[in-house]
Amino acid sequence: MDNKEFARKLEERTRKLAISIIKLSGSLPNSPEGKVIRNQLTKAGSSIGANYREANRSRSRPDFVNRMKICESETSEAIYWMMIIGELEWVSSEISQQVIDELNELIAIFAQTGKTIRESGR
């Protein structure tokens, strides 16, 4: 798979993740605490794909690397909120673990991609 195909598939994957997170967020309790966590998770989870898409359209290597760092940061934040939701048992452990697993895979991809680009000097 070439770089363009990889990027296209990862854009699709992050978009599907955002949709999953938005749907999951809608199932959270309607309490004040639930609303805060819903907002935080939705913002972080939907930002991942938006920033990855922007990274693919960056104008320079430093811009690309910066966007990838933002993707890592937003993914890490989403993992944090999913861990909280899981510990509160607001969703099934199976669902929370599936989302956390996907987020962990993505953060590894973003970290490696950013590192590879930084080291290659492209």
PDB file of N, CA and C in Angstrom:
ATOM      1  N   MET A   1       0.851  -1.174   0.000  1.00  0.00           N
ATOM      2  CA  MET A   1       0.000   0.000   0.000  1.00  0.00           C
ATOM      3  C   MET A   1       0.898   1.239   0.000  1.00  0.00           C
ATOM      4  N   ASP A   2       0.625   2.169  -0.915  1.00  0.00           N
ATOM      5  CA  ASP A   2       1.438   3.383  -0.968  1.00  0.00           C
ATOM      6  C   ASP A   2       0.957   4.387   0.086  1.00  0.00           C
ATOM      7  N   ASN A   3       1.710   5.474   0.216  1.00  0.00           N
ATOM      8  CA  ASN A   3       1.405   6.472   1.254  1.00  0.00           C
ATOM      9  C   ASN A   3       0.033   7.115   1.079  1.00  0.00           C
ATOM     10  N   LYS A   4      -0.358   7.395  -0.168  1.00  0.00           N
ATOM     11  CA  LYS A   4      -1.660   8.033  -0.396  1.00  0.00           C
ATOM     12  C   LYS A   4      -2.797   7.094  -0.007  1.00  0.00           C
ATOM     13  N   GLU A   5      -2.663   5.832  -0.345  1.00  0.00           N
ATOM     14  CA  GLU A   5      -3.700   4.853   0.006  1.00  0.00           C
ATOM     15  C   GLU A   5      -3.763   4.680   1.527  1.00  0.00           C
ATOM     16  N   PHE A   6      -2.594   4.622   2.167  1.00  0.00           N
ATOM     17  CA  PHE A   6      -2.537   4.518   3.625  1.00  0.00           C
ATOM     18  C   PHE A   6      -3.237   5.716   4.262  1.00  0.00           C
ATOM     19  N   ALA A   7      -2.918   6.916   3.784  1.00  0.00           N
ATOM     20  CA  ALA A   7      -3.516   8.138   4.338  1.00  0.00           C
ATOM     21  C   ALA A   7      -5.029   8.133   4.145  1.00  0.00           C
ATOM     22  N   ARG A   8      -5.493   7.712   2.966  1.00  0.00           N
ATOM     23  CA  ARG A   8      -6.926   7.671   2.690  1.00  0.00           C
ATOM     24  C   ARG A   8      -7.628   6.702   3.643  1.00  0.00           C
ATOM     25  N   LYS A   9      -7.034   5.530   3.837  1.00  0.00           N
ATOM     26  CA  LYS A   9      -7.640   4.531   4.729  1.00  0.00           C
ATOM     27  C   LYS A   9      -7.639   5.018   6.180  1.00  0.00           C
ATOM     28  N   LEU A  10      -6.563   5.703   6.575  1.00  0.00           N
ATOM     29  CA  LEU A  10      -6.509   6.209   7.948  1.00  0.00           C
ATOM     30  C   LEU A  10      -7.490   7.360   8.147  1.00  0.00           C
ATOM     31  N   GLU A  11      -7.695   8.183   7.137  1.00  0.00           N
ATOM     32  CA  GLU A  11      -8.722   9.224   7.233  1.00  0.00           C
ATOM     33  C   GLU A  11     -10.092   8.587   7.428  1.00  0.00           C
ATOM     34  N   GLU A  12     -10.372   7.545   6.672  1.00  0.00           N
ATOM     35  CA  GLU A  12     -11.653   6.842   6.804  1.00  0.00           C
ATOM     36  C   GLU A  12     -11.792   6.215   8.190  1.00  0.00           C
ATOM     37  N   ARG A  13     -10.715   5.622   8.656  1.00  0.00           N
ATOM     38  CA  ARG A  13     -10.726   4.976   9.979  1.00  0.00           C
ATOM     39  C   ARG A  13     -10.980   5.992  11.085  1.00  0.00           C
ATOM     40  N   THR A  14     -10.337   7.157  11.001  1.00  0.00           N
ATOM     41  CA  THR A  14     -10.538   8.168  12.048  1.00  0.00           C
ATOM     42  C   THR A  14     -11.931   8.780  11.968  1.00  0.00           C
ATOM     43  N   ARG A  15     -12.495   8.864  10.762  1.00  0.00           N
ATOM     44  CA  ARG A  15     -13.867   9.358  10.612  1.00  0.00           C
ATOM     45  C   ARG A  15     -14.857   8.379  11.242  1.00  0.00           C
ATOM     46  N   LYS A  16     -14.650   7.087  10.993  1.00  0.00           N
ATOM     47  CA  LYS A  16     -15.520   6.066  11.593  1.00  0.00           C
ATOM     48  C   LYS A  16     -15.395   6.076  13.110  1.00  0.00           C
ATOM     49  N   LEU A  17     -14.183   6.299  13.610  1.00  0.00           N
ATOM     50  CA  LEU A  17     -13.986   6.397  15.062  1.00  0.00           C
ATOM     51  C   LEU A  17     -14.779   7.577  15.619  1.00  0.00           C
ATOM     52  N   ALA A  18     -14.722   8.712  14.942  1.00  0.00           N
ATOM     53  CA  ALA A  18     -15.460   9.886  15.413  1.00  0.00           C
ATOM     54  C   ALA A  18     -16.956   9.585  15.489  1.00  0.00           C
ATOM     55  N   ILE A  19     -17.478   8.912  14.485  1.00  0.00           N
ATOM     56  CA  ILE A  19     -18.900   8.561  14.486  1.00  0.00           C
ATOM     57  C   ILE A  19     -19.216   7.635  15.647  1.00  0.00           C
ATOM     58  N   SER A  20     -18.357   6.650  15.886  1.00  0.00           N
ATOM     59  CA  SER A  20     -18.566   5.727  17.013  1.00  0.00           C
ATOM     60  C   SER A  20     -18.560   6.470  18.344  1.00  0.00           C
ATOM     61  N   ILE A  21     -17.626   7.388  18.490  1.00  0.00           N
ATOM     62  CA  ILE A  21     -17.519   8.143  19.739  1.00  0.00           C
ATOM     63  C   ILE A  21     -18.727   9.056  19.922  1.00  0.00           C
ATOM     64  N   ILE A  22     -19.185   9.687  18.851  1.00  0.00           N
ATOM     65  CA  ILE A  22     -20.364  10.552  18.947  1.00  0.00           C
ATOM     66  C   ILE A  22     -21.580   9.726  19.369  1.00  0.00           C
ATOM     67  N   LYS A  23     -21.742   8.554  18.765  1.00  0.00           N
ATOM     68  CA  LYS A  23     -22.855   7.682  19.147  1.00  0.00           C
ATOM     69  C   LYS A  23     -22.727   7.236  20.601  1.00  0.00           C
ATOM     70  N   LEU A  24     -21.533   6.841  21.002  1.00  0.00           N
ATOM     71  CA  LEU A  24     -21.302   6.416  22.381  1.00  0.00           C
ATOM     72  C   LEU A  24     -21.591   7.567  23.337  1.00  0.00           C
ATOM     73  N   SER A  25     -21.141   8.765  22.987  1.00  0.00           N
ATOM     74  CA  SER A  25     -21.359   9.937  23.841  1.00  0.00           C
ATOM     75  C   SER A  25     -22.842  10.195  24.069  1.00  0.00           C
ATOM     76  N   GLY A  26     -23.634   9.947  23.035  1.00  0.00           N
ATOM     77  CA  GLY A  26     -25.070  10.148  23.157  1.00  0.00           C
ATOM     78  C   GLY A  26     -25.734   9.206  24.137  1.00  0.00           C
ATOM     79  N   SER A  27     -25.063   8.114  24.471  1.00  0.00           N
ATOM     80  CA  SER A  27     -25.635   7.148  25.409  1.00  0.00           C
ATOM     81  C   SER A  27     -25.226   7.415  26.858  1.00  0.00           C
ATOM     82  N   LEU A  28     -24.376   8.415  27.065  1.00  0.00           N
ATOM     83  CA  LEU A  28     -23.921   8.711  28.430  1.00  0.00           C
ATOM     84  C   LEU A  28     -25.041   9.353  29.241  1.00  0.00           C
ATOM     85  N   PRO A  29     -24.943   9.259  30.559  1.00  0.00           N
ATOM     86  CA  PRO A  29     -25.986   9.835  31.418  1.00  0.00           C
ATOM     87  C   PRO A  29     -26.204  11.318  31.152  1.00  0.00           C
ATOM     88  N   ASN A  30     -27.410  11.755  31.368  1.00  0.00           N
ATOM     89  CA  ASN A  30     -27.768  13.152  31.150  1.00  0.00           C
ATOM     90  C   ASN A  30     -27.566  13.997  32.410  1.00  0.00           C
ATOM     91  N   SER A  31     -26.736  13.518  33.310  1.00  0.00           N
ATOM     92  CA  SER A  31     -26.419  14.252  34.537  1.00  0.00           C
ATOM     93  C   SER A  31     -25.409  15.359  34.208  1.00  0.00           C
ATOM     94  N   PRO A  32     -25.206  16.310  35.128  1.00  0.00           N
ATOM     95  CA  PRO A  32     -24.189  17.343  34.876  1.00  0.00           C
ATOM     96  C   PRO A  32     -22.808  16.737  34.593  1.00  0.00           C
ATOM     97  N   GLU A  33     -22.466  15.687  35.346  1.00  0.00           N
ATOM     98  CA  GLU A  33     -21.164  15.039  35.145  1.00  0.00           C
ATOM     99  C   GLU A  33     -21.104  14.346  33.782  1.00  0.00           C
ATOM    100  N   GLY A  34     -22.186  13.688  33.432  1.00  0.00           N
ATOM    101  CA  GLY A  34     -22.250  13.008  32.144  1.00  0.00           C
ATOM    102  C   GLY A  34     -22.117  13.977  30.982  1.00  0.00           C
ATOM    103  N   LYS A  35     -22.740  15.143  31.113  1.00  0.00           N
ATOM    104  CA  LYS A  35     -22.660  16.153  30.053  1.00  0.00           C
ATOM    105  C   LYS A  35     -21.237  16.664  29.871  1.00  0.00           C
ATOM    106  N   VAL A  36     -20.538  16.862  30.980  1.00  0.00           N
ATOM    107  CA  VAL A  36     -19.152  17.346  30.904  1.00  0.00           C
ATOM    108  C   VAL A  36     -18.280  16.309  30.199  1.00  0.00           C
ATOM    109  N   ILE A  37     -18.388  15.071  30.618  1.00  0.00           N
ATOM    110  CA  ILE A  37     -17.567  14.018  30.019  1.00  0.00           C
ATOM    111  C   ILE A  37     -17.966  13.792  28.563  1.00  0.00           C
ATOM    112  N   ARG A  38     -19.255  13.825  28.273  1.00  0.00           N
ATOM    113  CA  ARG A  38     -19.724  13.683  26.886  1.00  0.00           C
ATOM    114  C   ARG A  38     -19.094  14.745  25.998  1.00  0.00           C
ATOM    115  N   ASN A  39     -19.099  15.982  26.466  1.00  0.00           N
ATOM    116  CA  ASN A  39     -18.533  17.085  25.690  1.00  0.00           C
ATOM    117  C   ASN A  39     -17.029  16.881  25.475  1.00  0.00           C
ATOM    118  N   GLN A  40     -16.321  16.536  26.541  1.00  0.00           N
ATOM    119  CA  GLN A  40     -14.873  16.349  26.436  1.00  0.00           C
ATOM    120  C   GLN A  40     -14.524  15.209  25.480  1.00  0.00           C
ATOM    121  N   LEU A  41     -15.208  14.082  25.626  1.00  0.00           N
ATOM    122  CA  LEU A  41     -14.929  12.928  24.778  1.00  0.00           C
ATOM    123  C   LEU A  41     -15.273  13.227  23.324  1.00  0.00           C
ATOM    124  N   THR A  42     -16.409  13.851  23.087  1.00  0.00           N
ATOM    125  CA  THR A  42     -16.822  14.152  21.717  1.00  0.00           C
ATOM    126  C   THR A  42     -15.843  15.107  21.049  1.00  0.00           C
ATOM    127  N   LYS A  43     -15.402  16.129  21.776  1.00  0.00           N
ATOM    128  CA  LYS A  43     -14.442  17.081  21.216  1.00  0.00           C
ATOM    129  C   LYS A  43     -13.125  16.388  20.875  1.00  0.00           C
ATOM    130  N   ALA A  44     -12.598  15.606  21.801  1.00  0.00           N
ATOM    131  CA  ALA A  44     -11.318  14.935  21.554  1.00  0.00           C
ATOM    132  C   ALA A  44     -11.451  13.889  20.451  1.00  0.00           C
ATOM    133  N   GLY A  45     -12.497  13.091  20.522  1.00  0.00           N
ATOM    134  CA  GLY A  45     -12.666  11.998  19.566  1.00  0.00           C
ATOM    135  C   GLY A  45     -12.913  12.454  18.147  1.00  0.00           C
ATOM    136  N   SER A  46     -13.599  13.577  17.981  1.00  0.00           N
ATOM    137  CA  SER A  46     -13.848  14.078  16.627  1.00  0.00           C
ATOM    138  C   SER A  46     -12.677  14.916  16.112  1.00  0.00           C
ATOM    139  N   SER A  47     -11.882  15.443  17.016  1.00  0.00           N
ATOM    140  CA  SER A  47     -10.720  16.241  16.630  1.00  0.00           C
ATOM    141  C   SER A  47      -9.609  15.386  16.024  1.00  0.00           C
ATOM    142  N   ILE A  48      -9.550  14.122  16.406  1.00  0.00           N
ATOM    143  CA  ILE A  48      -8.491  13.235  15.911  1.00  0.00           C
ATOM    144  C   ILE A  48      -8.511  13.198  14.381  1.00  0.00           C
ATOM    145  N   GLY A  49      -9.646  12.852  13.824  1.00  0.00           N
ATOM    146  CA  GLY A  49      -9.761  12.739  12.375  1.00  0.00           C
ATOM    147  C   GLY A  49      -9.626  14.075  11.671  1.00  0.00           C
ATOM    148  N   ALA A  50     -10.184  15.122  12.262  1.00  0.00           N
ATOM    149  CA  ALA A  50     -10.091  16.448  11.641  1.00  0.00           C
ATOM    150  C   ALA A  50      -8.637  16.889  11.550  1.00  0.00           C
ATOM    151  N   ASN A  51      -7.874  16.662  12.604  1.00  0.00           N
ATOM    152  CA  ASN A  51      -6.469  17.054  12.576  1.00  0.00           C
ATOM    153  C   ASN A  51      -5.638  16.146  11.684  1.00  0.00           C
ATOM    154  N   TYR A  52      -5.985  14.871  11.607  1.00  0.00           N
ATOM    155  CA  TYR A  52      -5.254  13.990  10.702  1.00  0.00           C
ATOM    156  C   TYR A  52      -5.510  14.412   9.251  1.00  0.00           C
ATOM    157  N   ARG A  53      -6.746  14.746   8.954  1.00  0.00           N
ATOM    158  CA  ARG A  53      -7.084  15.221   7.602  1.00  0.00           C
ATOM    159  C   ARG A  53      -6.278  16.479   7.274  1.00  0.00           C
ATOM    160  N   GLU A  54      -6.191  17.400   8.217  1.00  0.00           N
ATOM    161  CA  GLU A  54      -5.406  18.617   8.009  1.00  0.00           C
ATOM    162  C   GLU A  54      -3.910  18.309   7.871  1.00  0.00           C
ATOM    163  N   ALA A  55      -3.421  17.331   8.597  1.00  0.00           N
ATOM    164  CA  ALA A  55      -2.011  16.946   8.467  1.00  0.00           C
ATOM    165  C   ALA A  55      -1.716  16.502   7.040  1.00  0.00           C
ATOM    166  N   ASN A  56      -2.634  15.752   6.465  1.00  0.00           N
ATOM    167  CA  ASN A  56      -2.447  15.276   5.099  1.00  0.00           C
ATOM    168  C   ASN A  56      -2.487  16.403   4.073  1.00  0.00           C
ATOM    169  N   ARG A  57      -2.978  17.543   4.462  1.00  0.00           N
ATOM    170  CA  ARG A  57      -3.044  18.692   3.570  1.00  0.00           C
ATOM    171  C   ARG A  57      -2.087  19.802   4.028  1.00  0.00           C
ATOM    172  N   SER A  58      -1.131  19.448   4.857  1.00  0.00           N
ATOM    173  CA  SER A  58      -0.200  20.433   5.402  1.00  0.00           C
ATOM    174  C   SER A  58       0.684  21.008   4.297  1.00  0.00           C
ATOM    175  N   ARG A  59       1.197  22.171   4.568  1.00  0.00           N
ATOM    176  CA  ARG A  59       2.016  22.884   3.571  1.00  0.00           C
ATOM    177  C   ARG A  59       3.509  22.691   3.782  1.00  0.00           C
ATOM    178  N   SER A  60       3.863  22.105   4.913  1.00  0.00           N
ATOM    179  CA  SER A  60       5.286  21.912   5.187  1.00  0.00           C
ATOM    180  C   SER A  60       5.470  20.723   6.126  1.00  0.00           C
ATOM    181  N   ARG A  61       6.686  20.244   6.181  1.00  0.00           N
ATOM    182  CA  ARG A  61       6.995  19.133   7.088  1.00  0.00           C
ATOM    183  C   ARG A  61       6.746  19.522   8.540  1.00  0.00           C
ATOM    184  N   PRO A  62       7.200  20.705   8.994  1.00  0.00           N
ATOM    185  CA  PRO A  62       6.903  21.084  10.389  1.00  0.00           C
ATOM    186  C   PRO A  62       5.406  21.167  10.682  1.00  0.00           C
ATOM    187  N   ASP A  63       4.628  21.651   9.714  1.00  0.00           N
ATOM    188  CA  ASP A  63       3.176  21.713   9.896  1.00  0.00           C
ATOM    189  C   ASP A  63       2.608  20.300  10.036  1.00  0.00           C
ATOM    190  N   PHE A  64       3.071  19.380   9.191  1.00  0.00           N
ATOM    191  CA  PHE A  64       2.625  17.993   9.258  1.00  0.00           C
ATOM    192  C   PHE A  64       2.961  17.389  10.631  1.00  0.00           C
ATOM    193  N   VAL A  65       4.193  17.555  11.056  1.00  0.00           N
ATOM    194  CA  VAL A  65       4.628  16.993  12.345  1.00  0.00           C
ATOM    195  C   VAL A  65       3.810  17.587  13.485  1.00  0.00           C
ATOM    196  N   ASN A  66       3.551  18.882  13.439  1.00  0.00           N
ATOM    197  CA  ASN A  66       2.753  19.525  14.480  1.00  0.00           C
ATOM    198  C   ASN A  66       1.340  18.945  14.521  1.00  0.00           C
ATOM    199  N   ARG A  67       0.728  18.765  13.348  1.00  0.00           N
ATOM    200  CA  ARG A  67      -0.627  18.187  13.298  1.00  0.00           C
ATOM    201  C   ARG A  67      -0.634  16.759  13.842  1.00  0.00           C
ATOM    202  N   MET A  68       0.406  16.007  13.543  1.00  0.00           N
ATOM    203  CA  MET A  68       0.486  14.637  14.054  1.00  0.00           C
ATOM    204  C   MET A  68       0.604  14.641  15.579  1.00  0.00           C
ATOM    205  N   LYS A  69       1.320  15.611  16.118  1.00  0.00           N
ATOM    206  CA  LYS A  69       1.407  15.732  17.581  1.00  0.00           C
ATOM    207  C   LYS A  69       0.040  16.065  18.180  1.00  0.00           C
ATOM    208  N   ILE A  70      -0.721  16.907  17.488  1.00  0.00           N
ATOM    209  CA  ILE A  70      -2.076  17.222  17.946  1.00  0.00           C
ATOM    210  C   ILE A  70      -2.934  15.957  17.899  1.00  0.00           C
ATOM    211  N   CYS A  71      -2.797  15.165  16.831  1.00  0.00           N
ATOM    212  CA  CYS A  71      -3.539  13.897  16.746  1.00  0.00           C
ATOM    213  C   CYS A  71      -3.200  13.002  17.934  1.00  0.00           C
ATOM    214  N   GLU A  72      -1.914  12.895  18.254  1.00  0.00           N
ATOM    215  CA  GLU A  72      -1.497  12.090  19.413  1.00  0.00           C
ATOM    216  C   GLU A  72      -2.126  12.607  20.692  1.00  0.00           C
ATOM    217  N   SER A  73      -2.080  13.913  20.875  1.00  0.00           N
ATOM    218  CA  SER A  73      -2.612  14.526  22.095  1.00  0.00           C
ATOM    219  C   SER A  73      -4.117  14.298  22.234  1.00  0.00           C
ATOM    220  N   GLU A  74      -4.864  14.516  21.158  1.00  0.00           N
ATOM    221  CA  GLU A  74      -6.311  14.321  21.197  1.00  0.00           C
ATOM    222  C   GLU A  74      -6.665  12.851  21.411  1.00  0.00           C
ATOM    223  N   THR A  75      -5.879  11.957  20.815  1.00  0.00           N
ATOM    224  CA  THR A  75      -6.114  10.529  21.005  1.00  0.00           C
ATOM    225  C   THR A  75      -5.856  10.142  22.446  1.00  0.00           C
ATOM    226  N   SER A  76      -4.786  10.668  23.020  1.00  0.00           N
ATOM    227  CA  SER A  76      -4.481  10.399  24.421  1.00  0.00           C
ATOM    228  C   SER A  76      -5.594  10.903  25.340  1.00  0.00           C
ATOM    229  N   GLU A  77      -6.123  12.075  25.036  1.00  0.00           N
ATOM    230  CA  GLU A  77      -7.226  12.615  25.838  1.00  0.00           C
ATOM    231  C   GLU A  77      -8.470  11.736  25.712  1.00  0.00           C
ATOM    232  N   ALA A  78      -8.761  11.283  24.503  1.00  0.00           N
ATOM    233  CA  ALA A  78      -9.924  10.412  24.305  1.00  0.00           C
ATOM    234  C   ALA A  78      -9.760   9.104  25.087  1.00  0.00           C
ATOM    235  N   ILE A  79      -8.545   8.569  25.115  1.00  0.00           N
ATOM    236  CA  ILE A  79      -8.285   7.351  25.901  1.00  0.00           C
ATOM    237  C   ILE A  79      -8.587   7.616  27.369  1.00  0.00           C
ATOM    238  N   TYR A  80      -8.135   8.752  27.859  1.00  0.00           N
ATOM    239  CA  TYR A  80      -8.380   9.117  29.260  1.00  0.00           C
ATOM    240  C   TYR A  80      -9.877   9.125  29.570  1.00  0.00           C
ATOM    241  N   TRP A  81     -10.661   9.811  28.724  1.00  0.00           N
ATOM    242  CA  TRP A  81     -12.100   9.892  28.982  1.00  0.00           C
ATOM    243  C   TRP A  81     -12.764   8.530  28.856  1.00  0.00           C
ATOM    244  N   MET A  82     -12.302   7.707  27.924  1.00  0.00           N
ATOM    245  CA  MET A  82     -12.873   6.364  27.788  1.00  0.00           C
ATOM    246  C   MET A  82     -12.554   5.514  29.023  1.00  0.00           C
ATOM    247  N   MET A  83     -11.376   5.693  29.591  1.00  0.00           N
ATOM    248  CA  MET A  83     -11.028   4.966  30.814  1.00  0.00           C
ATOM    249  C   MET A  83     -11.948   5.383  31.965  1.00  0.00           C
ATOM    250  N   ILE A  84     -12.204   6.688  32.064  1.00  0.00           N
ATOM    251  CA  ILE A  84     -13.117   7.190  33.101  1.00  0.00           C
ATOM    252  C   ILE A  84     -14.508   6.592  32.900  1.00  0.00           C
ATOM    253  N   ILE A  85     -15.000   6.647  31.667  1.00  0.00           N
ATOM    254  CA  ILE A  85     -16.335   6.110  31.358  1.00  0.00           C
ATOM    255  C   ILE A  85     -16.390   4.618  31.691  1.00  0.00           C
ATOM    256  N   GLY A  86     -15.337   3.899  31.358  1.00  0.00           N
ATOM    257  CA  GLY A  86     -15.285   2.468  31.665  1.00  0.00           C
ATOM    258  C   GLY A  86     -15.298   2.199  33.161  1.00  0.00           C
ATOM    259  N   GLU A  87     -14.513   2.971  33.899  1.00  0.00           N
ATOM    260  CA  GLU A  87     -14.462   2.785  35.351  1.00  0.00           C
ATOM    261  C   GLU A  87     -15.779   3.171  36.022  1.00  0.00           C
ATOM    262  N   LEU A  88     -16.483   4.121  35.447  1.00  0.00           N
ATOM    263  CA  LEU A  88     -17.797   4.499  35.979  1.00  0.00           C
ATOM    264  C   LEU A  88     -18.885   3.507  35.560  1.00  0.00           C
ATOM    265  N   GLU A  89     -18.525   2.618  34.652  1.00  0.00           N
ATOM    266  CA  GLU A  89     -19.446   1.608  34.119  1.00  0.00           C
ATOM    267  C   GLU A  89     -20.650   2.246  33.437  1.00  0.00           C
ATOM    268  N   TRP A  90     -20.388   3.332  32.704  1.00  0.00           N
ATOM    269  CA  TRP A  90     -21.442   4.004  31.959  1.00  0.00           C
ATOM    270  C   TRP A  90     -21.724   3.313  30.627  1.00  0.00           C
ATOM    271  N   VAL A  91     -20.777   2.541  30.145  1.00  0.00           N
ATOM    272  CA  VAL A  91     -20.980   1.686  28.974  1.00  0.00           C
ATOM    273  C   VAL A  91     -20.395   0.328  29.322  1.00  0.00           C
ATOM    274  N   SER A  92     -20.719  -0.676  28.548  1.00  0.00           N
ATOM    275  CA  SER A  92     -20.201  -2.015  28.843  1.00  0.00           C
ATOM    276  C   SER A  92     -18.686  -2.024  28.720  1.00  0.00           C
ATOM    277  N   SER A  93     -18.065  -2.906  29.480  1.00  0.00           N
ATOM    278  CA  SER A  93     -16.611  -3.004  29.424  1.00  0.00           C
ATOM    279  C   SER A  93     -16.150  -3.433  28.038  1.00  0.00           C
ATOM    280  N   GLU A  94     -16.959  -4.224  27.352  1.00  0.00           N
ATOM    281  CA  GLU A  94     -16.606  -4.661  25.993  1.00  0.00           C
ATOM    282  C   GLU A  94     -16.547  -3.469  25.037  1.00  0.00           C
ATOM    283  N   ILE A  95     -17.540  -2.612  25.097  1.00  0.00           N
ATOM    284  CA  ILE A  95     -17.571  -1.435  24.218  1.00  0.00           C
ATOM    285  C   ILE A  95     -16.434  -0.489  24.551  1.00  0.00           C
ATOM    286  N   SER A  96     -16.251  -0.185  25.835  1.00  0.00           N
ATOM    287  CA  SER A  96     -15.183   0.748  26.192  1.00  0.00           C
ATOM    288  C   SER A  96     -13.822   0.185  25.795  1.00  0.00           C
ATOM    289  N   GLN A  97     -13.615  -1.108  25.949  1.00  0.00           N
ATOM    290  CA  GLN A  97     -12.331  -1.705  25.590  1.00  0.00           C
ATOM    291  C   GLN A  97     -12.105  -1.681  24.083  1.00  0.00           C
ATOM    292  N   GLN A  98     -13.146  -1.902  23.302  1.00  0.00           N
ATOM    293  CA  GLN A  98     -13.017  -1.834  21.835  1.00  0.00           C
ATOM    294  C   GLN A  98     -12.574  -0.438  21.394  1.00  0.00           C
ATOM    295  N   VAL A  99     -13.187   0.577  21.968  1.00  0.00           N
ATOM    296  CA  VAL A  99     -12.833   1.950  21.602  1.00  0.00           C
ATOM    297  C   VAL A  99     -11.416   2.264  22.080  1.00  0.00           C
ATOM    298  N   ILE A 100     -11.083   1.871  23.283  1.00  0.00           N
ATOM    299  CA  ILE A 100      -9.731   2.110  23.811  1.00  0.00           C
ATOM    300  C   ILE A 100      -8.688   1.390  22.957  1.00  0.00           C
ATOM    301  N   ASP A 101      -8.974   0.175  22.541  1.00  0.00           N
ATOM    302  CA  ASP A 101      -8.033  -0.570  21.687  1.00  0.00           C
ATOM    303  C   ASP A 101      -7.797   0.173  20.372  1.00  0.00           C
ATOM    304  N   GLU A 102      -8.872   0.661  19.766  1.00  0.00           N
ATOM    305  CA  GLU A 102      -8.736   1.412  18.509  1.00  0.00           C
ATOM    306  C   GLU A 102      -7.928   2.685  18.736  1.00  0.00           C
ATOM    307  N   LEU A 103      -8.205   3.386  19.823  1.00  0.00           N
ATOM    308  CA  LEU A 103      -7.460   4.607  20.141  1.00  0.00           C
ATOM    309  C   LEU A 103      -5.983   4.305  20.370  1.00  0.00           C
ATOM    310  N   ASN A 104      -5.680   3.212  21.059  1.00  0.00           N
ATOM    311  CA  ASN A 104      -4.282   2.838  21.286  1.00  0.00           C
ATOM    312  C   ASN A 104      -3.566   2.516  19.982  1.00  0.00           C
ATOM    313  N   GLU A 105      -4.247   1.839  19.072  1.00  0.00           N
ATOM    314  CA  GLU A 105      -3.649   1.559  17.766  1.00  0.00           C
ATOM    315  C   GLU A 105      -3.366   2.853  17.015  1.00  0.00           C
ATOM    316  N   LEU A 106      -4.322   3.774  17.051  1.00  0.00           N
ATOM    317  CA  LEU A 106      -4.144   5.039  16.344  1.00  0.00           C
ATOM    318  C   LEU A 106      -3.019   5.875  16.941  1.00  0.00           C
ATOM    319  N   ILE A 107      -2.925   5.924  18.251  1.00  0.00           N
ATOM    320  CA  ILE A 107      -1.864   6.738  18.850  1.00  0.00           C
ATOM    321  C   ILE A 107      -0.490   6.177  18.480  1.00  0.00           C
ATOM    322  N   ALA A 108      -0.386   4.866  18.376  1.00  0.00           N
ATOM    323  CA  ALA A 108       0.886   4.253  17.962  1.00  0.00           C
ATOM    324  C   ALA A 108       1.209   4.631  16.512  1.00  0.00           C
ATOM    325  N   ILE A 109       0.198   4.622  15.653  1.00  0.00           N
ATOM    326  CA  ILE A 109       0.398   5.004  14.246  1.00  0.00           C
ATOM    327  C   ILE A 109       0.828   6.462  14.154  1.00  0.00           C
ATOM    328  N   PHE A 110       0.129   7.346  14.869  1.00  0.00           N
ATOM    329  CA  PHE A 110       0.468   8.768  14.811  1.00  0.00           C
ATOM    330  C   PHE A 110       1.877   9.019  15.331  1.00  0.00           C
ATOM    331  N   ALA A 111       2.229   8.383  16.419  1.00  0.00           N
ATOM    332  CA  ALA A 111       3.565   8.571  16.997  1.00  0.00           C
ATOM    333  C   ALA A 111       4.645   8.090  16.035  1.00  0.00           C
ATOM    334  N   GLN A 112       4.445   6.928  15.450  1.00  0.00           N
ATOM    335  CA  GLN A 112       5.440   6.379  14.534  1.00  0.00           C
ATOM    336  C   GLN A 112       5.535   7.209  13.261  1.00  0.00           C
ATOM    337  N   THR A 113       4.403   7.643  12.735  1.00  0.00           N
ATOM    338  CA  THR A 113       4.410   8.448  11.510  1.00  0.00           C
ATOM    339  C   THR A 113       5.132   9.762  11.741  1.00  0.00           C
ATOM    340  N   GLY A 114       4.804  10.435  12.827  1.00  0.00           N
ATOM    341  CA  GLY A 114       5.481  11.707  13.141  1.00  0.00           C
ATOM    342  C   GLY A 114       6.970  11.513  13.332  1.00  0.00           C
ATOM    343  N   LYS A 115       7.349  10.442  14.016  1.00  0.00           N
ATOM    344  CA  LYS A 115       8.767  10.162  14.238  1.00  0.00           C
ATOM    345  C   LYS A 115       9.479   9.880  12.920  1.00  0.00           C
ATOM    346  N   THR A 116       8.859   9.083  12.066  1.00  0.00           N
ATOM    347  CA  THR A 116       9.459   8.739  10.782  1.00  0.00           C
ATOM    348  C   THR A 116       9.674   9.987   9.919  1.00  0.00           C
ATOM    349  N   ILE A 117       8.693  10.867   9.876  1.00  0.00           N
ATOM    350  CA  ILE A 117       8.795  12.091   9.085  1.00  0.00           C
ATOM    351  C   ILE A 117       9.882  12.995   9.663  1.00  0.00           C
ATOM    352  N   ARG A 118       9.926  13.133  10.976  1.00  0.00           N
ATOM    353  CA  ARG A 118      10.956  13.983  11.604  1.00  0.00           C
ATOM    354  C   ARG A 118      12.347  13.453  11.273  1.00  0.00           C
ATOM    355  N   GLU A 119      12.517  12.135  11.362  1.00  0.00           N
ATOM    356  CA  GLU A 119      13.826  11.534  11.141  1.00  0.00           C
ATOM    357  C   GLU A 119      14.246  11.527   9.675  1.00  0.00           C
ATOM    358  N   SER A 120      13.262  11.479   8.775  1.00  0.00           N
ATOM    359  CA  SER A 120      13.588  11.404   7.350  1.00  0.00           C
ATOM    360  C   SER A 120      13.952  12.759   6.755  1.00  0.00           C
ATOM    361  N   GLY A 121      13.543  13.808   7.427  1.00  0.00           N
ATOM    362  CA  GLY A 121      13.819  15.144   6.930  1.00  0.00           C
ATOM    363  C   GLY A 121      12.937  15.554   5.770  1.00  0.00           C
ATOM    364  N   ARG A 122      11.861  14.787   5.525  1.00  0.00           N
ATOM    365  CA  ARG A 122      10.943  15.121   4.423  1.00  0.00           C
ATOM    366  C   ARG A 122      10.058  16.280   4.764  1.00  0.00           C
TER     367      ARG A 122
END
